[in-house]
Amino acid sequence: MPENSHRAVFPFEVSSISLFLPGEASVPFQFRDFLVSFRFFDAHGVELPPTVCSAPVTEAFNEPFVYLKESGVEGVFLETNMTRFNPYIKAVDLTVHPWKSKNLSVLELITDSIYAHAVTAESKESLVWKVAQ
């Protein structure tokens, strides 16, 4: 797995996730400077097709993606839109890509600081998960 990638394995099946960086991880970038692409896995570790996800698929990587954008929420530096899954997922590989920006130090900071806000498939409870463990 590339250095700018991490796998998050959740303790339950997940119906949706959004990504965020906490406010203390302040990093200088603009909307569309970086994006995150996804690969999804079921409870048996089988990779699921990109069509299980509500996010668009980028032609550059042939994977679903979201752009990182600044947040309007106090204490949250950036966030993504909620991404929904059908069928539900158990694990996700997240890869942060430079898009308009080529600043590798910011790329590394984002990759090491990103969190997932996951919603359980059954109970709709939520869990905040640090992706880089």
N, C-alpha and C. Protein backbone atom coordinates (compact mmCIF):
# COMPACT_ATOMS: atom_id res chain seq x y z
N MET A 1 0.84 -1.17 0.00
CA MET A 1 0.00 0.00 0.00
C MET A 1 0.90 1.25 0.00
N PRO A 2 0.60 2.26 -0.82
CA PRO A 2 1.43 3.47 -0.86
C PRO A 2 1.45 4.20 0.49
N GLU A 3 2.47 5.03 0.69
CA GLU A 3 2.61 5.77 1.95
C GLU A 3 1.44 6.69 2.22
N ASN A 4 0.79 7.17 1.17
CA ASN A 4 -0.33 8.09 1.33
C ASN A 4 -1.66 7.35 1.43
N SER A 5 -1.61 6.04 1.80
CA SER A 5 -2.81 5.21 1.93
C SER A 5 -2.87 4.58 3.32
N HIS A 6 -4.09 4.33 3.76
CA HIS A 6 -4.33 3.61 5.02
C HIS A 6 -5.59 2.79 4.87
N ARG A 7 -5.64 1.66 5.58
CA ARG A 7 -6.85 0.84 5.62
C ARG A 7 -7.52 1.03 6.98
N ALA A 8 -8.81 1.30 6.95
CA ALA A 8 -9.61 1.35 8.17
C ALA A 8 -10.51 0.13 8.18
N VAL A 9 -10.39 -0.70 9.22
CA VAL A 9 -11.25 -1.87 9.39
C VAL A 9 -12.16 -1.55 10.58
N PHE A 10 -13.45 -1.51 10.33
CA PHE A 10 -14.41 -1.14 11.36
C PHE A 10 -14.88 -2.36 12.14
N PRO A 11 -15.27 -2.18 13.41
CA PRO A 11 -15.73 -3.31 14.22
C PRO A 11 -17.16 -3.74 13.88
N PHE A 12 -17.78 -3.09 12.90
CA PHE A 12 -19.15 -3.39 12.49
C PHE A 12 -19.29 -3.00 11.02
N GLU A 13 -20.38 -3.44 10.39
CA GLU A 13 -20.63 -3.02 9.02
C GLU A 13 -21.06 -1.56 9.02
N VAL A 14 -20.63 -0.82 8.01
CA VAL A 14 -20.82 0.62 7.94
C VAL A 14 -21.73 0.96 6.76
N SER A 15 -22.70 1.85 7.01
CA SER A 15 -23.59 2.29 5.94
C SER A 15 -23.15 3.60 5.31
N SER A 16 -22.33 4.39 6.04
CA SER A 16 -21.85 5.66 5.48
C SER A 16 -20.64 6.15 6.28
N ILE A 17 -19.82 6.95 5.62
CA ILE A 17 -18.70 7.61 6.29
C ILE A 17 -18.53 9.02 5.75
N SER A 18 -17.97 9.87 6.57
CA SER A 18 -17.43 11.14 6.11
C SER A 18 -16.04 11.24 6.72
N LEU A 19 -15.22 12.06 6.13
CA LEU A 19 -13.83 12.22 6.58
C LEU A 19 -13.65 13.61 7.15
N PHE A 20 -12.75 13.75 8.10
CA PHE A 20 -12.44 15.08 8.62
C PHE A 20 -11.05 15.10 9.23
N LEU A 21 -10.53 16.32 9.36
CA LEU A 21 -9.31 16.58 10.12
C LEU A 21 -9.71 17.44 11.30
N PRO A 22 -9.24 17.12 12.50
CA PRO A 22 -9.56 17.97 13.64
C PRO A 22 -8.94 19.36 13.48
N GLY A 23 -9.52 20.34 14.16
CA GLY A 23 -9.09 21.72 14.02
C GLY A 23 -7.63 21.97 14.31
N GLU A 24 -7.04 21.18 15.23
CA GLU A 24 -5.63 21.40 15.56
C GLU A 24 -4.70 20.96 14.43
N ALA A 25 -5.20 20.23 13.45
CA ALA A 25 -4.38 19.78 12.33
C ALA A 25 -4.46 20.78 11.18
N SER A 26 -4.35 22.05 11.50
CA SER A 26 -4.50 23.10 10.50
C SER A 26 -3.42 22.99 9.42
N VAL A 27 -3.87 22.80 8.20
CA VAL A 27 -2.95 22.66 7.07
C VAL A 27 -3.40 23.61 5.97
N PRO A 28 -2.44 24.25 5.28
CA PRO A 28 -2.80 25.24 4.27
C PRO A 28 -3.10 24.61 2.91
N PHE A 29 -4.37 24.62 2.51
CA PHE A 29 -4.70 24.18 1.16
C PHE A 29 -6.06 24.73 0.76
N GLN A 30 -6.34 24.67 -0.52
CA GLN A 30 -7.58 25.15 -1.10
C GLN A 30 -8.46 23.97 -1.49
N PHE A 31 -9.74 24.23 -1.73
CA PHE A 31 -10.66 23.20 -2.22
C PHE A 31 -10.10 22.61 -3.51
N ARG A 32 -10.11 21.33 -3.62
CA ARG A 32 -9.62 20.54 -4.75
C ARG A 32 -8.10 20.47 -4.85
N ASP A 33 -7.38 20.94 -3.83
CA ASP A 33 -5.93 20.73 -3.82
C ASP A 33 -5.61 19.26 -3.61
N PHE A 34 -6.47 18.57 -2.81
CA PHE A 34 -6.27 17.15 -2.51
C PHE A 34 -7.60 16.43 -2.61
N LEU A 35 -7.53 15.16 -2.97
CA LEU A 35 -8.72 14.33 -2.95
C LEU A 35 -8.39 13.00 -2.30
N VAL A 36 -9.43 12.31 -1.86
CA VAL A 36 -9.27 10.99 -1.25
C VAL A 36 -10.03 10.00 -2.12
N SER A 37 -9.33 8.94 -2.55
CA SER A 37 -10.01 7.87 -3.28
C SER A 37 -10.19 6.68 -2.36
N PHE A 38 -11.16 5.82 -2.70
CA PHE A 38 -11.57 4.72 -1.84
C PHE A 38 -11.52 3.38 -2.57
N ARG A 39 -11.24 2.32 -1.81
CA ARG A 39 -11.49 0.93 -2.20
C ARG A 39 -12.21 0.30 -1.02
N PHE A 40 -13.26 -0.47 -1.28
CA PHE A 40 -14.14 -0.98 -0.22
C PHE A 40 -14.08 -2.49 -0.14
N PHE A 41 -14.30 -3.01 1.08
CA PHE A 41 -14.24 -4.45 1.33
C PHE A 41 -15.40 -4.86 2.22
N ASP A 42 -15.91 -6.08 1.98
CA ASP A 42 -16.99 -6.60 2.81
C ASP A 42 -16.43 -7.30 4.04
N ALA A 43 -17.29 -7.92 4.83
CA ALA A 43 -16.88 -8.57 6.08
C ALA A 43 -15.95 -9.75 5.86
N HIS A 44 -15.89 -10.28 4.63
CA HIS A 44 -15.02 -11.41 4.31
C HIS A 44 -13.71 -10.96 3.67
N GLY A 45 -13.50 -9.64 3.55
CA GLY A 45 -12.29 -9.11 2.94
C GLY A 45 -12.32 -9.06 1.43
N VAL A 46 -13.48 -9.32 0.83
CA VAL A 46 -13.63 -9.29 -0.62
C VAL A 46 -13.82 -7.85 -1.07
N GLU A 47 -13.03 -7.43 -2.06
CA GLU A 47 -13.16 -6.07 -2.56
C GLU A 47 -14.48 -5.90 -3.28
N LEU A 48 -15.16 -4.80 -2.99
CA LEU A 48 -16.45 -4.49 -3.60
C LEU A 48 -16.25 -3.53 -4.76
N PRO A 49 -17.14 -3.55 -5.75
CA PRO A 49 -16.99 -2.65 -6.90
C PRO A 49 -17.27 -1.20 -6.49
N PRO A 50 -16.76 -0.24 -7.26
CA PRO A 50 -16.99 1.18 -6.95
C PRO A 50 -18.46 1.56 -6.89
N THR A 51 -19.33 0.78 -7.53
CA THR A 51 -20.75 1.12 -7.58
C THR A 51 -21.46 0.98 -6.23
N VAL A 52 -20.81 0.40 -5.20
CA VAL A 52 -21.45 0.30 -3.87
C VAL A 52 -21.48 1.66 -3.17
N CYS A 53 -20.80 2.64 -3.74
CA CYS A 53 -20.58 3.93 -3.09
C CYS A 53 -21.35 5.03 -3.80
N SER A 54 -21.82 6.02 -3.02
CA SER A 54 -22.54 7.15 -3.60
C SER A 54 -21.62 8.21 -4.20
N ALA A 55 -20.32 8.11 -3.98
CA ALA A 55 -19.37 9.11 -4.49
C ALA A 55 -19.10 8.87 -5.98
N PRO A 56 -18.77 9.92 -6.73
CA PRO A 56 -18.42 9.74 -8.14
C PRO A 56 -17.09 9.00 -8.27
N VAL A 57 -16.85 8.45 -9.45
CA VAL A 57 -15.62 7.71 -9.73
C VAL A 57 -14.70 8.60 -10.57
N THR A 58 -13.45 8.73 -10.14
CA THR A 58 -12.48 9.53 -10.89
C THR A 58 -11.88 8.69 -12.01
N GLU A 59 -11.77 9.26 -13.18
CA GLU A 59 -11.16 8.56 -14.31
C GLU A 59 -9.67 8.33 -14.08
N ALA A 60 -9.02 9.23 -13.36
CA ALA A 60 -7.58 9.13 -13.14
C ALA A 60 -7.20 7.87 -12.36
N PHE A 61 -8.02 7.47 -11.39
CA PHE A 61 -7.69 6.32 -10.54
C PHE A 61 -8.71 5.19 -10.66
N ASN A 62 -9.81 5.44 -11.36
CA ASN A 62 -10.91 4.48 -11.50
C ASN A 62 -11.42 4.01 -10.13
N GLU A 63 -11.51 4.96 -9.20
CA GLU A 63 -11.99 4.68 -7.85
C GLU A 63 -12.92 5.82 -7.42
N PRO A 64 -13.89 5.54 -6.55
CA PRO A 64 -14.71 6.62 -6.00
C PRO A 64 -13.81 7.61 -5.25
N PHE A 65 -14.23 8.88 -5.23
CA PHE A 65 -13.39 9.89 -4.59
C PHE A 65 -14.24 11.00 -3.99
N VAL A 66 -13.63 11.76 -3.09
CA VAL A 66 -14.19 13.00 -2.56
C VAL A 66 -13.05 14.01 -2.48
N TYR A 67 -13.40 15.28 -2.74
CA TYR A 67 -12.43 16.35 -2.53
C TYR A 67 -12.43 16.75 -1.06
N LEU A 68 -11.29 17.16 -0.56
CA LEU A 68 -11.20 17.71 0.78
C LEU A 68 -11.54 19.19 0.70
N LYS A 69 -12.32 19.67 1.66
CA LYS A 69 -12.71 21.08 1.68
C LYS A 69 -12.71 21.60 3.11
N GLU A 70 -12.53 22.90 3.24
CA GLU A 70 -12.55 23.49 4.58
C GLU A 70 -13.94 23.38 5.18
N SER A 71 -13.96 23.24 6.48
CA SER A 71 -15.22 23.05 7.21
C SER A 71 -15.69 24.37 7.79
N GLY A 72 -17.00 24.48 7.94
CA GLY A 72 -17.57 25.62 8.65
C GLY A 72 -17.86 25.28 10.10
N VAL A 73 -17.44 24.11 10.55
CA VAL A 73 -17.73 23.63 11.90
C VAL A 73 -16.56 23.97 12.82
N GLU A 74 -16.84 24.56 13.97
CA GLU A 74 -15.79 24.90 14.93
C GLU A 74 -15.10 23.63 15.41
N GLY A 75 -13.77 23.64 15.43
CA GLY A 75 -13.00 22.50 15.88
C GLY A 75 -12.73 21.45 14.81
N VAL A 76 -13.27 21.66 13.62
CA VAL A 76 -13.04 20.74 12.51
C VAL A 76 -12.42 21.53 11.38
N PHE A 77 -11.22 21.15 10.95
CA PHE A 77 -10.54 21.93 9.93
C PHE A 77 -11.09 21.67 8.54
N LEU A 78 -11.26 20.40 8.20
CA LEU A 78 -11.81 20.10 6.89
C LEU A 78 -12.73 18.92 6.99
N GLU A 79 -13.55 18.76 5.97
CA GLU A 79 -14.49 17.65 5.97
C GLU A 79 -14.81 17.26 4.53
N THR A 80 -15.49 16.15 4.39
CA THR A 80 -16.00 15.72 3.10
C THR A 80 -17.50 15.50 3.26
N ASN A 81 -18.18 15.39 2.15
CA ASN A 81 -19.59 15.03 2.20
C ASN A 81 -19.72 13.58 2.67
N MET A 82 -20.87 13.23 3.21
CA MET A 82 -21.15 11.87 3.64
C MET A 82 -21.20 10.97 2.41
N THR A 83 -20.53 9.83 2.49
CA THR A 83 -20.54 8.84 1.41
C THR A 83 -21.32 7.63 1.91
N ARG A 84 -22.31 7.18 1.13
CA ARG A 84 -23.17 6.08 1.54
C ARG A 84 -22.85 4.81 0.76
N PHE A 85 -23.13 3.65 1.38
CA PHE A 85 -22.78 2.37 0.78
C PHE A 85 -23.98 1.43 0.72
N ASN A 86 -24.09 0.71 -0.38
CA ASN A 86 -25.09 -0.34 -0.54
C ASN A 86 -24.52 -1.37 -1.49
N PRO A 87 -24.14 -2.56 -1.04
CA PRO A 87 -24.28 -3.08 0.32
C PRO A 87 -23.29 -2.40 1.26
N TYR A 88 -23.43 -2.72 2.54
CA TYR A 88 -22.60 -2.12 3.57
C TYR A 88 -21.16 -2.62 3.46
N ILE A 89 -20.24 -1.84 4.03
CA ILE A 89 -18.82 -2.19 3.99
C ILE A 89 -18.31 -2.49 5.39
N LYS A 90 -17.19 -3.19 5.45
CA LYS A 90 -16.53 -3.50 6.73
C LYS A 90 -15.16 -2.83 6.81
N ALA A 91 -14.55 -2.56 5.64
CA ALA A 91 -13.22 -1.95 5.60
C ALA A 91 -13.12 -1.05 4.38
N VAL A 92 -12.23 -0.08 4.48
CA VAL A 92 -12.00 0.84 3.37
C VAL A 92 -10.51 1.18 3.31
N ASP A 93 -9.97 1.20 2.10
CA ASP A 93 -8.64 1.75 1.86
C ASP A 93 -8.82 3.18 1.41
N LEU A 94 -8.18 4.12 2.10
CA LEU A 94 -8.23 5.53 1.76
C LEU A 94 -6.87 5.94 1.24
N THR A 95 -6.84 6.60 0.09
CA THR A 95 -5.60 7.13 -0.45
C THR A 95 -5.77 8.62 -0.69
N VAL A 96 -4.91 9.43 -0.09
CA VAL A 96 -4.94 10.88 -0.29
C VAL A 96 -4.04 11.19 -1.48
N HIS A 97 -4.59 11.91 -2.46
CA HIS A 97 -3.85 12.26 -3.68
C HIS A 97 -3.70 13.77 -3.78
N PRO A 98 -2.53 14.24 -4.19
CA PRO A 98 -2.43 15.65 -4.55
C PRO A 98 -3.21 15.85 -5.84
N TRP A 99 -3.96 16.92 -5.95
CA TRP A 99 -4.72 17.17 -7.17
C TRP A 99 -4.20 18.46 -7.79
N LYS A 100 -4.66 19.61 -7.31
CA LYS A 100 -4.11 20.87 -7.81
C LYS A 100 -2.80 21.20 -7.11
N SER A 101 -2.65 20.78 -5.87
CA SER A 101 -1.44 21.05 -5.10
C SER A 101 -0.46 19.89 -5.24
N LYS A 102 0.81 20.20 -5.23
CA LYS A 102 1.85 19.15 -5.26
C LYS A 102 2.71 19.22 -4.00
N ASN A 103 2.17 19.83 -2.94
CA ASN A 103 2.90 20.01 -1.69
C ASN A 103 2.91 18.69 -0.92
N LEU A 104 4.03 17.97 -0.97
CA LEU A 104 4.12 16.64 -0.37
C LEU A 104 4.11 16.67 1.15
N SER A 105 4.59 17.76 1.77
CA SER A 105 4.55 17.82 3.23
C SER A 105 3.12 17.97 3.73
N VAL A 106 2.30 18.74 3.01
CA VAL A 106 0.88 18.86 3.37
C VAL A 106 0.17 17.54 3.11
N LEU A 107 0.51 16.87 2.01
CA LEU A 107 -0.06 15.55 1.71
C LEU A 107 0.21 14.58 2.86
N GLU A 108 1.43 14.56 3.35
CA GLU A 108 1.80 13.67 4.45
C GLU A 108 1.03 14.02 5.73
N LEU A 109 0.91 15.31 6.02
CA LEU A 109 0.18 15.74 7.22
C LEU A 109 -1.28 15.32 7.14
N ILE A 110 -1.91 15.51 6.00
CA ILE A 110 -3.31 15.11 5.83
C ILE A 110 -3.45 13.61 5.98
N THR A 111 -2.58 12.85 5.31
CA THR A 111 -2.64 11.39 5.34
C THR A 111 -2.54 10.86 6.77
N ASP A 112 -1.68 11.47 7.58
CA ASP A 112 -1.46 10.99 8.95
C ASP A 112 -2.48 11.51 9.95
N SER A 113 -3.31 12.49 9.56
CA SER A 113 -4.21 13.14 10.51
C SER A 113 -5.69 12.88 10.25
N ILE A 114 -6.03 12.18 9.19
CA ILE A 114 -7.43 12.07 8.76
C ILE A 114 -8.21 11.09 9.64
N TYR A 115 -9.46 11.45 9.91
CA TYR A 115 -10.39 10.63 10.68
C TYR A 115 -11.59 10.28 9.82
N ALA A 116 -12.21 9.15 10.14
CA ALA A 116 -13.47 8.75 9.50
C ALA A 116 -14.58 8.82 10.55
N HIS A 117 -15.68 9.42 10.19
CA HIS A 117 -16.90 9.38 11.01
C HIS A 117 -17.79 8.34 10.35
N ALA A 118 -17.90 7.17 10.96
CA ALA A 118 -18.62 6.04 10.38
C ALA A 118 -19.96 5.86 11.09
N VAL A 119 -20.98 5.48 10.31
CA VAL A 119 -22.31 5.20 10.86
C VAL A 119 -22.58 3.71 10.67
N THR A 120 -22.99 3.04 11.76
CA THR A 120 -23.24 1.60 11.69
C THR A 120 -24.45 1.30 10.82
N ALA A 121 -24.40 0.15 10.17
CA ALA A 121 -25.48 -0.25 9.27
C ALA A 121 -26.75 -0.59 10.04
N GLU A 122 -26.62 -1.26 11.17
CA GLU A 122 -27.79 -1.76 11.89
C GLU A 122 -28.39 -0.74 12.86
N SER A 123 -27.59 -0.23 13.77
CA SER A 123 -28.14 0.60 14.84
C SER A 123 -28.08 2.09 14.54
N LYS A 124 -27.40 2.48 13.48
CA LYS A 124 -27.22 3.88 13.10
C LYS A 124 -26.42 4.66 14.13
N GLU A 125 -25.71 3.94 15.00
CA GLU A 125 -24.78 4.60 15.92
C GLU A 125 -23.58 5.07 15.11
N SER A 126 -22.86 6.03 15.65
CA SER A 126 -21.69 6.51 14.92
C SER A 126 -20.42 6.30 15.73
N LEU A 127 -19.32 6.26 15.02
CA LEU A 127 -18.01 6.04 15.60
C LEU A 127 -17.03 6.94 14.88
N VAL A 128 -16.15 7.58 15.63
CA VAL A 128 -15.07 8.36 15.03
C VAL A 128 -13.82 7.49 15.08
N TRP A 129 -13.15 7.37 13.95
CA TRP A 129 -12.07 6.42 13.78
C TRP A 129 -10.86 7.13 13.19
N LYS A 130 -9.71 7.10 13.86
CA LYS A 130 -8.49 7.66 13.27
C LYS A 130 -7.98 6.66 12.24
N VAL A 131 -7.86 7.10 11.01
CA VAL A 131 -7.53 6.18 9.92
C VAL A 131 -6.09 5.70 10.02
N ALA A 132 -5.14 6.61 10.24
CA ALA A 132 -3.72 6.23 10.36
C ALA A 132 -3.48 5.79 11.80
N GLN A 133 -3.40 4.49 12.03
CA GLN A 133 -3.23 3.95 13.38
C GLN A 133 -1.78 3.68 13.66
